[in-house]
C-alpha cells in the first residue's frame, strides 16, 4: 500500500501549487494528491484510503458552501479536514468549526504558519485563528440533522437543492428512479421537512457568506 498522503482540494492551480510547496518543504514524509472539484475530491478519497488529511477550499466547482466539508465528514468521519479560505470572517471560521473542520487556515497566512497549522492537526490537534463569532445553535442543529443522512442521501439532497427532478437525479447519480424516490422520502423524514422545497431551503443554509 502506498505511503501516507495529504490531499489538497482547491480549484486554483496557483494556490494548489503554493500549498503543495509548503507540504513538500515541511512534511516531506507525505505524498501529495490534488483535486480541483468536489467530484474529484470524492473520487480521490475513494481511490486513496491512505489520505490522512484533506486541505479543503470551500468554493470549488460542485460544492455548495459547506457541503463538501459535510460530505467528507459524513463519509470519512475519521479523516481530519482543514478548511483553507480567502474569507476569514469570524462567522465563516466558526461555521467551519461547527460543521466538523479540524482547522481553518486563511489563505493570507504566511507559509510558515500554514505549515505549523497543518502539523498540529496531523498530530491530532486543531488550529483556528482567534474568533469573535458566537457559536450558532442553528448551525449546530443543521449539522446534527444533516449528519443523519447517508453519503448517497447527501448527494441526492444536493441534487434536490439544484431543483432536479427524480428522473434527472437518477441519471446524474446512476441510480434507479425508484431508488431516488426512496432516498427523497428518507431525506425529508430525517430532516423533518415537509417538501422538496423546504429541504432545498435547508441546503441554502450551508451557503457561506460571500467571498469564500
N, C-alpha and C. Protein backbone atom coordinates (compact mmCIF):
# COMPACT_ATOMS: atom_id res chain seq x y z
N UNK A 1 0.85 -1.20 0.00
CA UNK A 1 0.00 0.00 0.00
C UNK A 1 0.88 1.25 0.00
N UNK A 2 0.49 2.27 -0.80
CA UNK A 2 1.30 3.50 -0.83
C UNK A 2 1.42 4.14 0.55
N UNK A 3 2.44 4.98 0.70
CA UNK A 3 2.64 5.66 1.97
C UNK A 3 1.56 6.70 2.23
N UNK A 4 1.55 7.29 3.44
CA UNK A 4 0.51 8.26 3.81
C UNK A 4 0.52 9.47 2.88
N UNK A 5 -0.68 10.01 2.64
CA UNK A 5 -0.81 11.10 1.69
C UNK A 5 -1.64 12.24 2.27
N UNK A 6 -1.44 13.43 1.71
CA UNK A 6 -2.23 14.62 2.03
C UNK A 6 -2.91 15.05 0.74
N UNK A 7 -4.17 15.44 0.84
CA UNK A 7 -4.94 15.80 -0.34
C UNK A 7 -5.28 17.30 -0.31
N UNK A 8 -4.90 18.01 -1.36
CA UNK A 8 -5.19 19.44 -1.48
C UNK A 8 -6.34 19.60 -2.47
N UNK A 9 -7.49 20.09 -1.99
CA UNK A 9 -8.67 20.26 -2.82
C UNK A 9 -8.94 21.75 -3.00
N UNK A 10 -8.60 22.27 -4.17
CA UNK A 10 -8.75 23.70 -4.46
C UNK A 10 -8.78 23.84 -5.99
N UNK A 11 -9.64 24.72 -6.50
CA UNK A 11 -9.75 24.82 -7.96
C UNK A 11 -8.80 25.86 -8.55
N UNK A 12 -7.97 26.49 -7.73
CA UNK A 12 -7.00 27.47 -8.25
C UNK A 12 -5.61 26.82 -8.36
N UNK A 13 -5.13 26.56 -9.57
CA UNK A 13 -3.85 25.86 -9.75
C UNK A 13 -2.67 26.54 -9.05
N UNK A 14 -2.63 27.87 -9.08
CA UNK A 14 -1.50 28.58 -8.46
C UNK A 14 -1.51 28.41 -6.96
N UNK A 15 -2.70 28.48 -6.36
CA UNK A 15 -2.76 28.30 -4.90
C UNK A 15 -2.45 26.86 -4.53
N UNK A 16 -2.96 25.90 -5.32
CA UNK A 16 -2.62 24.50 -5.05
C UNK A 16 -1.11 24.30 -5.08
N UNK A 17 -0.47 24.91 -6.07
CA UNK A 17 0.99 24.78 -6.18
C UNK A 17 1.69 25.36 -4.96
N UNK A 18 1.18 26.48 -4.46
CA UNK A 18 1.78 27.12 -3.28
C UNK A 18 1.63 26.21 -2.06
N UNK A 19 0.45 25.62 -1.89
CA UNK A 19 0.22 24.72 -0.75
C UNK A 19 1.09 23.47 -0.87
N UNK A 20 1.17 22.93 -2.07
CA UNK A 20 2.00 21.73 -2.28
C UNK A 20 3.46 22.02 -1.96
N UNK A 21 3.92 23.21 -2.28
CA UNK A 21 5.31 23.58 -1.97
C UNK A 21 5.53 23.56 -0.45
N UNK A 22 4.57 24.14 0.29
CA UNK A 22 4.66 24.14 1.76
C UNK A 22 4.70 22.70 2.28
N UNK A 23 3.84 21.85 1.74
CA UNK A 23 3.77 20.47 2.21
C UNK A 23 5.07 19.72 1.92
N UNK A 24 5.62 19.92 0.73
CA UNK A 24 6.87 19.23 0.37
C UNK A 24 8.03 19.69 1.25
N UNK A 25 8.01 20.99 1.60
CA UNK A 25 9.08 21.54 2.43
C UNK A 25 8.97 21.09 3.89
N UNK A 26 7.75 21.15 4.42
CA UNK A 26 7.54 20.91 5.85
C UNK A 26 7.21 19.46 6.20
N UNK A 27 6.59 18.74 5.27
CA UNK A 27 6.14 17.37 5.55
C UNK A 27 6.54 16.43 4.42
N UNK A 28 7.84 16.29 4.20
CA UNK A 28 8.32 15.50 3.05
C UNK A 28 7.98 14.01 3.15
N UNK A 29 7.60 13.56 4.35
CA UNK A 29 7.27 12.14 4.52
C UNK A 29 5.91 11.78 3.92
N UNK A 30 5.14 12.79 3.52
CA UNK A 30 3.82 12.54 2.94
C UNK A 30 3.84 12.72 1.43
N UNK A 31 3.12 11.84 0.74
CA UNK A 31 2.82 12.07 -0.67
C UNK A 31 1.72 13.11 -0.75
N UNK A 32 1.60 13.79 -1.88
CA UNK A 32 0.54 14.79 -2.04
C UNK A 32 -0.34 14.43 -3.23
N UNK A 33 -1.64 14.67 -3.06
CA UNK A 33 -2.62 14.47 -4.11
C UNK A 33 -3.39 15.77 -4.30
N UNK A 34 -4.00 15.93 -5.47
CA UNK A 34 -4.73 17.16 -5.77
C UNK A 34 -6.13 16.86 -6.29
N UNK A 35 -7.05 17.78 -6.02
CA UNK A 35 -8.41 17.71 -6.57
C UNK A 35 -8.87 19.14 -6.85
N UNK A 36 -9.52 19.34 -8.00
CA UNK A 36 -9.94 20.69 -8.38
C UNK A 36 -11.45 20.88 -8.36
N UNK A 37 -12.18 19.86 -7.88
CA UNK A 37 -13.64 19.97 -7.80
C UNK A 37 -14.14 19.04 -6.72
N UNK A 38 -15.41 19.23 -6.33
CA UNK A 38 -15.99 18.36 -5.31
C UNK A 38 -16.05 16.91 -5.79
N UNK A 39 -16.36 16.73 -7.08
CA UNK A 39 -16.42 15.37 -7.63
C UNK A 39 -15.05 14.70 -7.60
N UNK A 40 -14.02 15.47 -7.98
CA UNK A 40 -12.66 14.92 -7.98
C UNK A 40 -12.20 14.60 -6.56
N UNK A 41 -12.62 15.43 -5.61
CA UNK A 41 -12.29 15.18 -4.21
C UNK A 41 -12.89 13.85 -3.75
N UNK A 42 -14.18 13.65 -4.03
CA UNK A 42 -14.84 12.40 -3.64
C UNK A 42 -14.18 11.19 -4.27
N UNK A 43 -13.85 11.30 -5.55
CA UNK A 43 -13.22 10.18 -6.26
C UNK A 43 -11.84 9.87 -5.68
N UNK A 44 -11.07 10.92 -5.38
CA UNK A 44 -9.72 10.73 -4.84
C UNK A 44 -9.77 10.04 -3.47
N UNK A 45 -10.75 10.40 -2.64
CA UNK A 45 -10.84 9.80 -1.32
C UNK A 45 -11.26 8.33 -1.41
N UNK A 46 -12.10 8.00 -2.37
CA UNK A 46 -12.49 6.60 -2.56
C UNK A 46 -11.30 5.78 -3.04
N UNK A 47 -10.50 6.39 -3.89
CA UNK A 47 -9.38 5.68 -4.53
C UNK A 47 -8.14 5.61 -3.65
N UNK A 48 -8.02 6.54 -2.71
CA UNK A 48 -6.80 6.63 -1.90
C UNK A 48 -7.12 6.60 -0.40
N UNK A 49 -7.32 5.42 0.16
CA UNK A 49 -7.60 5.33 1.60
C UNK A 49 -6.42 5.74 2.46
N UNK A 50 -5.26 5.92 1.85
CA UNK A 50 -4.06 6.31 2.62
C UNK A 50 -4.03 7.80 2.92
N UNK A 51 -5.00 8.57 2.43
CA UNK A 51 -5.04 10.01 2.72
C UNK A 51 -5.28 10.21 4.22
N UNK A 52 -4.44 11.03 4.84
CA UNK A 52 -4.54 11.26 6.29
C UNK A 52 -5.04 12.66 6.65
N UNK A 53 -5.14 13.53 5.65
CA UNK A 53 -5.62 14.89 5.90
C UNK A 53 -6.08 15.50 4.58
N UNK A 54 -7.20 16.24 4.65
CA UNK A 54 -7.68 16.97 3.47
C UNK A 54 -7.57 18.46 3.75
N UNK A 55 -6.98 19.19 2.82
CA UNK A 55 -6.94 20.65 2.86
C UNK A 55 -7.97 21.12 1.84
N UNK A 56 -9.04 21.75 2.32
CA UNK A 56 -10.23 21.97 1.51
C UNK A 56 -10.58 23.45 1.33
N UNK A 57 -10.64 23.87 0.06
CA UNK A 57 -11.19 25.18 -0.26
C UNK A 57 -12.70 25.01 -0.38
N UNK A 58 -13.46 25.92 0.22
CA UNK A 58 -14.92 25.78 0.24
C UNK A 58 -15.59 26.10 -1.10
N UNK A 59 -14.93 26.87 -1.95
CA UNK A 59 -15.62 27.38 -3.14
C UNK A 59 -15.21 26.66 -4.42
N UNK A 60 -15.10 25.35 -4.37
CA UNK A 60 -14.78 24.58 -5.56
C UNK A 60 -16.02 24.31 -6.41
N UNK A 61 -15.85 24.05 -7.72
CA UNK A 61 -16.99 23.62 -8.53
C UNK A 61 -17.64 22.37 -7.94
N UNK A 62 -18.95 22.37 -7.90
CA UNK A 62 -19.68 21.21 -7.37
C UNK A 62 -19.94 21.29 -5.88
N UNK A 63 -19.35 22.28 -5.22
CA UNK A 63 -19.58 22.45 -3.78
C UNK A 63 -20.57 23.59 -3.56
N UNK A 64 -21.36 23.44 -2.54
CA UNK A 64 -22.33 24.49 -2.20
C UNK A 64 -22.05 24.92 -0.77
N UNK A 65 -21.30 26.01 -0.62
CA UNK A 65 -20.94 26.46 0.71
C UNK A 65 -20.14 25.39 1.45
N UNK A 66 -20.70 24.95 2.56
CA UNK A 66 -20.00 23.98 3.41
C UNK A 66 -20.33 22.53 3.04
N UNK A 67 -20.98 22.31 1.87
CA UNK A 67 -21.43 20.95 1.54
C UNK A 67 -20.27 19.96 1.40
N UNK A 68 -19.16 20.39 0.79
CA UNK A 68 -18.04 19.46 0.60
C UNK A 68 -17.46 19.04 1.95
N UNK A 69 -17.37 19.99 2.87
CA UNK A 69 -16.88 19.68 4.22
C UNK A 69 -17.79 18.65 4.90
N UNK A 70 -19.10 18.89 4.85
CA UNK A 70 -20.04 17.97 5.49
C UNK A 70 -20.03 16.61 4.82
N UNK A 71 -19.86 16.61 3.51
CA UNK A 71 -19.84 15.34 2.78
C UNK A 71 -18.63 14.49 3.20
N UNK A 72 -17.46 15.12 3.25
CA UNK A 72 -16.26 14.37 3.67
C UNK A 72 -16.39 13.90 5.10
N UNK A 73 -16.89 14.77 5.98
CA UNK A 73 -17.03 14.38 7.39
C UNK A 73 -18.04 13.25 7.56
N UNK A 74 -19.07 13.24 6.72
CA UNK A 74 -20.06 12.18 6.81
C UNK A 74 -19.57 10.85 6.28
N UNK A 75 -18.83 10.92 5.18
CA UNK A 75 -18.38 9.68 4.54
C UNK A 75 -17.09 9.14 5.14
N UNK A 76 -16.25 10.03 5.64
CA UNK A 76 -14.96 9.62 6.22
C UNK A 76 -14.80 10.30 7.58
N UNK A 77 -15.57 9.89 8.58
CA UNK A 77 -15.60 10.61 9.87
C UNK A 77 -14.27 10.65 10.60
N UNK A 78 -13.37 9.71 10.31
CA UNK A 78 -12.09 9.70 10.99
C UNK A 78 -11.03 10.54 10.30
N UNK A 79 -11.37 11.15 9.16
CA UNK A 79 -10.39 11.89 8.36
C UNK A 79 -10.46 13.38 8.69
N UNK A 80 -9.39 13.97 9.23
CA UNK A 80 -9.43 15.40 9.54
C UNK A 80 -9.45 16.26 8.28
N UNK A 81 -10.23 17.33 8.33
CA UNK A 81 -10.33 18.27 7.22
C UNK A 81 -9.95 19.66 7.72
N UNK A 82 -9.03 20.30 7.03
CA UNK A 82 -8.66 21.68 7.33
C UNK A 82 -9.17 22.56 6.20
N UNK A 83 -10.01 23.51 6.53
CA UNK A 83 -10.53 24.44 5.53
C UNK A 83 -9.49 25.52 5.26
N UNK A 84 -9.27 25.79 3.98
CA UNK A 84 -8.41 26.91 3.58
C UNK A 84 -9.27 27.86 2.77
N UNK A 85 -9.41 29.09 3.22
CA UNK A 85 -10.33 30.02 2.56
C UNK A 85 -9.78 31.43 2.52
N UNK A 86 -10.19 32.17 1.49
CA UNK A 86 -9.80 33.58 1.40
C UNK A 86 -10.70 34.44 2.28
N UNK A 87 -11.77 33.86 2.78
CA UNK A 87 -12.69 34.60 3.66
C UNK A 87 -12.45 34.19 5.11
N UNK A 88 -11.82 35.08 5.89
CA UNK A 88 -11.54 34.75 7.28
C UNK A 88 -12.49 35.47 8.23
N UNK A 89 -13.70 35.73 7.75
CA UNK A 89 -14.73 36.32 8.61
C UNK A 89 -14.96 35.39 9.81
N UNK A 90 -15.05 35.94 11.01
CA UNK A 90 -15.20 35.08 12.20
C UNK A 90 -16.39 34.11 12.11
N UNK A 91 -17.48 34.53 11.49
CA UNK A 91 -18.64 33.64 11.38
C UNK A 91 -18.34 32.46 10.45
N UNK A 92 -17.61 32.71 9.37
CA UNK A 92 -17.25 31.62 8.45
C UNK A 92 -16.35 30.61 9.18
N UNK A 93 -15.40 31.13 9.94
CA UNK A 93 -14.50 30.26 10.70
C UNK A 93 -15.28 29.43 11.72
N UNK A 94 -16.19 30.10 12.43
CA UNK A 94 -16.99 29.40 13.44
C UNK A 94 -17.87 28.33 12.81
N UNK A 95 -18.46 28.64 11.65
CA UNK A 95 -19.33 27.67 10.99
C UNK A 95 -18.51 26.46 10.53
N UNK A 96 -17.32 26.70 9.99
CA UNK A 96 -16.46 25.58 9.56
C UNK A 96 -16.16 24.67 10.75
N UNK A 97 -15.89 25.28 11.91
CA UNK A 97 -15.60 24.51 13.12
C UNK A 97 -16.83 23.68 13.53
N UNK A 98 -18.00 24.32 13.50
CA UNK A 98 -19.22 23.61 13.92
C UNK A 98 -19.61 22.50 12.95
N UNK A 99 -19.25 22.67 11.67
CA UNK A 99 -19.56 21.64 10.69
C UNK A 99 -18.49 20.55 10.62
N UNK A 100 -17.54 20.57 11.55
CA UNK A 100 -16.63 19.43 11.69
C UNK A 100 -15.21 19.61 11.23
N UNK A 101 -14.82 20.82 10.80
CA UNK A 101 -13.43 21.02 10.39
C UNK A 101 -12.49 20.91 11.59
N UNK A 102 -11.30 20.37 11.35
CA UNK A 102 -10.28 20.27 12.40
C UNK A 102 -9.41 21.51 12.45
N UNK A 103 -9.55 22.35 11.43
CA UNK A 103 -8.77 23.57 11.39
C UNK A 103 -9.28 24.51 10.32
N UNK A 104 -8.82 25.75 10.38
CA UNK A 104 -9.19 26.76 9.39
C UNK A 104 -7.97 27.64 9.16
N UNK A 105 -7.50 27.67 7.92
CA UNK A 105 -6.31 28.46 7.59
C UNK A 105 -6.71 29.53 6.57
N UNK A 106 -6.67 30.80 6.94
CA UNK A 106 -6.91 31.85 5.94
C UNK A 106 -5.83 31.80 4.86
N UNK A 107 -6.22 32.05 3.62
CA UNK A 107 -5.25 31.98 2.53
C UNK A 107 -4.17 33.05 2.64
N UNK A 108 -4.42 34.04 3.49
CA UNK A 108 -3.46 35.13 3.65
C UNK A 108 -2.33 34.81 4.62
N UNK A 109 -2.38 33.67 5.33
CA UNK A 109 -1.34 33.41 6.34
C UNK A 109 0.00 33.08 5.67
N UNK A 110 1.11 33.40 6.31
CA UNK A 110 2.42 33.06 5.76
C UNK A 110 2.60 31.54 5.68
N UNK A 111 3.48 31.11 4.79
CA UNK A 111 3.72 29.68 4.58
C UNK A 111 4.12 28.97 5.87
N UNK A 112 4.92 29.64 6.70
CA UNK A 112 5.39 29.02 7.94
C UNK A 112 4.22 28.71 8.88
N UNK A 113 3.29 29.68 8.99
CA UNK A 113 2.12 29.48 9.85
C UNK A 113 1.23 28.37 9.30
N UNK A 114 1.11 28.29 7.96
CA UNK A 114 0.33 27.23 7.35
C UNK A 114 0.92 25.87 7.67
N UNK A 115 2.24 25.76 7.57
CA UNK A 115 2.90 24.50 7.89
C UNK A 115 2.70 24.11 9.35
N UNK A 116 2.79 25.10 10.25
CA UNK A 116 2.58 24.83 11.68
C UNK A 116 1.16 24.33 11.93
N UNK A 117 0.18 24.97 11.29
CA UNK A 117 -1.22 24.60 11.49
C UNK A 117 -1.49 23.18 11.02
N UNK A 118 -0.97 22.84 9.84
CA UNK A 118 -1.19 21.50 9.29
C UNK A 118 -0.52 20.46 10.18
N UNK A 119 0.69 20.76 10.64
CA UNK A 119 1.40 19.84 11.52
C UNK A 119 0.64 19.58 12.81
N UNK A 120 0.05 20.62 13.36
CA UNK A 120 -0.70 20.47 14.62
C UNK A 120 -1.91 19.56 14.43
N UNK A 121 -2.62 19.72 13.30
CA UNK A 121 -3.80 18.88 13.04
C UNK A 121 -3.37 17.43 12.81
N UNK A 122 -2.28 17.24 12.11
CA UNK A 122 -1.79 15.87 11.87
C UNK A 122 -1.41 15.17 13.18
N UNK A 123 -1.05 15.95 14.17
CA UNK A 123 -0.71 15.38 15.48
C UNK A 123 -1.95 15.10 16.33
N UNK A 124 -3.12 15.38 15.76
CA UNK A 124 -4.36 15.11 16.48
C UNK A 124 -4.99 16.33 17.12
N UNK A 125 -4.39 17.49 16.90
CA UNK A 125 -4.93 18.72 17.48
C UNK A 125 -5.83 19.45 16.51
N UNK A 126 -6.02 20.73 16.76
CA UNK A 126 -6.80 21.57 15.86
C UNK A 126 -6.13 22.93 15.77
N UNK A 127 -6.48 23.68 14.76
CA UNK A 127 -5.88 25.02 14.60
C UNK A 127 -6.91 25.95 13.98
N UNK A 128 -7.28 26.99 14.72
CA UNK A 128 -8.20 28.00 14.23
C UNK A 128 -7.66 29.38 14.61
N UNK A 129 -7.86 30.37 13.76
CA UNK A 129 -7.49 31.75 14.16
C UNK A 129 -8.39 32.18 15.32
N UNK A 130 -8.00 33.21 16.04
CA UNK A 130 -8.87 33.73 17.11
C UNK A 130 -10.23 34.13 16.51
N UNK A 131 -11.29 33.75 17.21
CA UNK A 131 -12.63 34.01 16.68
C UNK A 131 -13.43 34.87 17.64
N UNK A 132 -14.19 35.79 17.06
CA UNK A 132 -15.07 36.60 17.89
C UNK A 132 -16.53 36.15 17.75
N UNK A 133 -16.81 35.37 16.71
CA UNK A 133 -18.20 34.97 16.45
C UNK A 133 -18.67 33.96 17.50
N UNK A 134 -19.91 34.11 17.89
CA UNK A 134 -20.50 33.20 18.86
C UNK A 134 -20.92 31.90 18.18
N UNK A 135 -20.93 30.85 18.96
CA UNK A 135 -21.45 29.57 18.47
C UNK A 135 -22.92 29.75 18.08
N UNK A 136 -23.30 29.18 16.95
CA UNK A 136 -24.67 29.30 16.48
C UNK A 136 -25.44 28.01 16.75
N UNK A 137 -26.50 28.11 17.53
CA UNK A 137 -27.32 26.92 17.80
C UNK A 137 -28.01 26.44 16.54
N UNK A 138 -28.36 27.37 15.66
CA UNK A 138 -28.99 26.98 14.39
C UNK A 138 -28.05 26.14 13.55
N UNK A 139 -26.77 26.53 13.50
CA UNK A 139 -25.79 25.76 12.74
C UNK A 139 -25.57 24.39 13.39
N UNK A 140 -25.54 24.37 14.71
CA UNK A 140 -25.34 23.10 15.42
C UNK A 140 -26.49 22.15 15.11
N UNK A 141 -27.72 22.69 15.08
CA UNK A 141 -28.88 21.85 14.78
C UNK A 141 -28.83 21.38 13.33
N UNK A 142 -28.48 22.28 12.41
CA UNK A 142 -28.39 21.91 11.00
C UNK A 142 -27.36 20.81 10.79
N UNK A 143 -26.20 20.95 11.43
CA UNK A 143 -25.15 19.94 11.29
C UNK A 143 -25.62 18.58 11.81
N UNK A 144 -26.32 18.57 12.94
CA UNK A 144 -26.76 17.29 13.50
C UNK A 144 -27.84 16.64 12.64
N UNK A 145 -28.69 17.45 12.03
CA UNK A 145 -29.73 16.90 11.15
C UNK A 145 -29.10 16.30 9.89
N UNK A 146 -28.15 17.03 9.31
CA UNK A 146 -27.51 16.54 8.09
C UNK A 146 -26.64 15.31 8.37
N UNK A 147 -26.14 15.20 9.58
CA UNK A 147 -25.29 14.05 9.95
C UNK A 147 -26.07 12.74 9.93
N UNK A 148 -27.40 12.82 9.94
CA UNK A 148 -28.21 11.61 9.90
C UNK A 148 -28.26 10.98 8.51
N UNK A 149 -27.92 11.76 7.49
CA UNK A 149 -28.02 11.28 6.12
C UNK A 149 -26.85 10.38 5.76
N UNK A 150 -27.12 9.37 4.95
CA UNK A 150 -26.04 8.56 4.40
C UNK A 150 -25.34 9.38 3.31
N UNK A 151 -24.12 9.01 2.90
CA UNK A 151 -23.45 9.74 1.83
C UNK A 151 -24.29 9.84 0.55
N UNK A 152 -24.98 8.74 0.20
CA UNK A 152 -25.80 8.76 -1.02
C UNK A 152 -26.99 9.71 -0.85
N UNK A 153 -27.59 9.70 0.33
CA UNK A 153 -28.70 10.61 0.58
C UNK A 153 -28.23 12.06 0.53
N UNK A 154 -27.02 12.32 0.98
CA UNK A 154 -26.49 13.68 0.93
C UNK A 154 -26.33 14.12 -0.53
N UNK A 155 -25.86 13.21 -1.40
CA UNK A 155 -25.73 13.54 -2.83
C UNK A 155 -27.10 13.86 -3.42
N UNK A 156 -28.09 13.04 -3.06
CA UNK A 156 -29.45 13.28 -3.57
C UNK A 156 -29.97 14.62 -3.07
N UNK A 157 -29.69 14.96 -1.83
CA UNK A 157 -30.14 16.23 -1.26
C UNK A 157 -29.56 17.41 -2.04
N UNK A 158 -28.28 17.34 -2.40
CA UNK A 158 -27.66 18.43 -3.16
C UNK A 158 -28.31 18.56 -4.53
N UNK A 159 -28.69 17.42 -5.13
CA UNK A 159 -29.40 17.47 -6.41
C UNK A 159 -30.78 18.10 -6.24
N UNK A 160 -31.45 17.75 -5.14
CA UNK A 160 -32.75 18.36 -4.83
C UNK A 160 -32.61 19.88 -4.75
N UNK A 161 -31.55 20.32 -4.10
CA UNK A 161 -31.33 21.75 -3.91
C UNK A 161 -31.09 22.46 -5.23
N UNK A 162 -30.62 21.71 -6.23
CA UNK A 162 -30.42 22.29 -7.57
C UNK A 162 -31.70 22.26 -8.39
N UNK A 163 -32.79 21.76 -7.78
CA UNK A 163 -34.08 21.75 -8.46
C UNK A 163 -34.28 20.60 -9.43
N UNK A 164 -33.46 19.55 -9.32
CA UNK A 164 -33.58 18.43 -10.25
C UNK A 164 -34.78 17.54 -9.89
N UNK A 165 -35.41 16.99 -10.92
CA UNK A 165 -36.49 16.02 -10.73
C UNK A 165 -35.90 14.65 -10.44
N UNK A 166 -36.72 13.73 -9.93
CA UNK A 166 -36.23 12.39 -9.60
C UNK A 166 -35.54 11.72 -10.79
N UNK A 167 -36.15 11.86 -11.98
CA UNK A 167 -35.58 11.24 -13.17
C UNK A 167 -34.19 11.82 -13.47
N UNK A 168 -34.04 13.14 -13.29
CA UNK A 168 -32.74 13.78 -13.55
C UNK A 168 -31.71 13.37 -12.50
N UNK A 169 -32.15 13.26 -11.25
CA UNK A 169 -31.24 12.82 -10.18
C UNK A 169 -30.77 11.40 -10.45
N UNK A 170 -31.70 10.55 -10.87
CA UNK A 170 -31.36 9.15 -11.16
C UNK A 170 -30.29 9.08 -12.25
N UNK A 171 -30.46 9.89 -13.31
CA UNK A 171 -29.49 9.89 -14.40
C UNK A 171 -28.14 10.42 -13.95
N UNK A 172 -28.16 11.47 -13.12
CA UNK A 172 -26.90 12.09 -12.70
C UNK A 172 -26.12 11.19 -11.75
N UNK A 173 -26.82 10.47 -10.88
CA UNK A 173 -26.13 9.64 -9.87
C UNK A 173 -26.05 8.16 -10.25
N UNK A 174 -26.63 7.82 -11.40
CA UNK A 174 -26.58 6.42 -11.84
C UNK A 174 -27.43 5.50 -10.98
N UNK A 175 -28.61 5.99 -10.58
CA UNK A 175 -29.50 5.21 -9.72
C UNK A 175 -30.81 4.93 -10.45
N UNK A 176 -31.55 3.96 -9.97
CA UNK A 176 -32.91 3.73 -10.47
C UNK A 176 -33.81 4.84 -9.93
N UNK A 177 -34.79 5.23 -10.73
CA UNK A 177 -35.67 6.32 -10.31
C UNK A 177 -36.41 5.97 -9.02
N UNK A 178 -36.78 4.70 -8.88
CA UNK A 178 -37.47 4.29 -7.67
C UNK A 178 -36.57 4.40 -6.44
N UNK A 179 -35.28 4.13 -6.64
CA UNK A 179 -34.31 4.27 -5.54
C UNK A 179 -34.22 5.73 -5.11
N UNK A 180 -34.25 6.64 -6.08
CA UNK A 180 -34.22 8.06 -5.77
C UNK A 180 -35.44 8.44 -4.94
N UNK A 181 -36.61 7.93 -5.32
CA UNK A 181 -37.85 8.22 -4.57
C UNK A 181 -37.71 7.77 -3.12
N UNK A 182 -37.14 6.59 -2.92
CA UNK A 182 -36.95 6.07 -1.56
C UNK A 182 -36.01 6.99 -0.78
N UNK A 183 -34.93 7.42 -1.44
CA UNK A 183 -33.97 8.33 -0.79
C UNK A 183 -34.63 9.66 -0.42
N UNK A 184 -35.42 10.21 -1.34
CA UNK A 184 -36.07 11.50 -1.09
C UNK A 184 -37.00 11.40 0.12
N UNK A 185 -37.78 10.32 0.17
CA UNK A 185 -38.68 10.11 1.31
C UNK A 185 -37.90 10.05 2.61
N UNK A 186 -36.79 9.31 2.60
CA UNK A 186 -35.96 9.18 3.81
C UNK A 186 -35.33 10.52 4.20
N UNK A 187 -34.89 11.27 3.20
CA UNK A 187 -34.26 12.57 3.46
C UNK A 187 -35.25 13.52 4.12
N UNK A 188 -36.44 13.61 3.56
CA UNK A 188 -37.45 14.52 4.12
C UNK A 188 -37.80 14.13 5.55
N UNK A 189 -37.87 12.83 5.80
CA UNK A 189 -38.19 12.36 7.15
C UNK A 189 -37.06 12.71 8.12
N UNK A 190 -35.82 12.42 7.74
CA UNK A 190 -34.69 12.67 8.64
C UNK A 190 -34.50 14.17 8.92
N UNK A 191 -34.78 14.99 7.91
CA UNK A 191 -34.57 16.43 8.07
C UNK A 191 -35.80 17.14 8.61
N UNK A 192 -36.87 16.37 8.84
CA UNK A 192 -38.14 16.94 9.33
C UNK A 192 -38.64 18.02 8.38
N UNK A 193 -38.54 17.74 7.07
CA UNK A 193 -39.02 18.67 6.05
C UNK A 193 -40.30 18.12 5.43
N UNK A 194 -41.21 19.02 5.08
CA UNK A 194 -42.48 18.59 4.51
C UNK A 194 -42.47 18.55 2.99
N UNK A 195 -41.48 19.17 2.38
CA UNK A 195 -41.44 19.23 0.92
C UNK A 195 -40.01 19.30 0.41
N UNK A 196 -39.84 19.06 -0.88
CA UNK A 196 -38.53 19.18 -1.52
C UNK A 196 -38.04 20.63 -1.42
N UNK A 197 -38.98 21.56 -1.55
CA UNK A 197 -38.61 22.98 -1.49
C UNK A 197 -38.04 23.32 -0.12
N UNK A 198 -38.66 22.79 0.92
CA UNK A 198 -38.18 23.06 2.28
C UNK A 198 -36.78 22.48 2.48
N UNK A 199 -36.53 21.29 1.91
CA UNK A 199 -35.21 20.67 2.00
C UNK A 199 -34.17 21.51 1.26
N UNK A 200 -34.58 22.07 0.10
CA UNK A 200 -33.67 22.92 -0.68
C UNK A 200 -33.31 24.18 0.09
N UNK A 201 -34.28 24.73 0.80
CA UNK A 201 -34.02 25.93 1.62
C UNK A 201 -33.02 25.60 2.73
N UNK A 202 -33.15 24.40 3.29
CA UNK A 202 -32.24 23.95 4.34
C UNK A 202 -30.80 23.92 3.80
N UNK A 203 -30.64 23.39 2.59
CA UNK A 203 -29.30 23.33 1.98
C UNK A 203 -28.76 24.75 1.76
N UNK A 204 -29.64 25.69 1.44
CA UNK A 204 -29.19 27.08 1.25
C UNK A 204 -28.51 27.59 2.52
N UNK A 205 -28.91 27.02 3.67
CA UNK A 205 -28.28 27.41 4.92
C UNK A 205 -26.81 27.03 4.99
N UNK A 206 -26.38 26.12 4.10
CA UNK A 206 -24.97 25.74 4.04
C UNK A 206 -24.14 26.75 3.28
N UNK A 207 -24.81 27.57 2.49
CA UNK A 207 -24.07 28.51 1.68
C UNK A 207 -23.45 29.57 2.57
N UNK A 208 -22.16 29.60 2.54
CA UNK A 208 -21.44 30.51 3.44
C UNK A 208 -21.57 31.95 2.96
N UNK A 209 -21.11 32.85 3.76
CA UNK A 209 -21.18 34.26 3.41
C UNK A 209 -20.35 34.52 2.16
N UNK A 210 -20.61 35.61 1.51
CA UNK A 210 -19.93 35.94 0.24
C UNK A 210 -18.42 35.98 0.41
N UNK A 211 -17.73 35.59 -0.64
CA UNK A 211 -16.28 35.72 -0.65
C UNK A 211 -15.52 34.47 -0.30
N UNK A 212 -16.20 33.33 -0.16
CA UNK A 212 -15.46 32.11 0.15
C UNK A 212 -14.57 31.71 -1.00
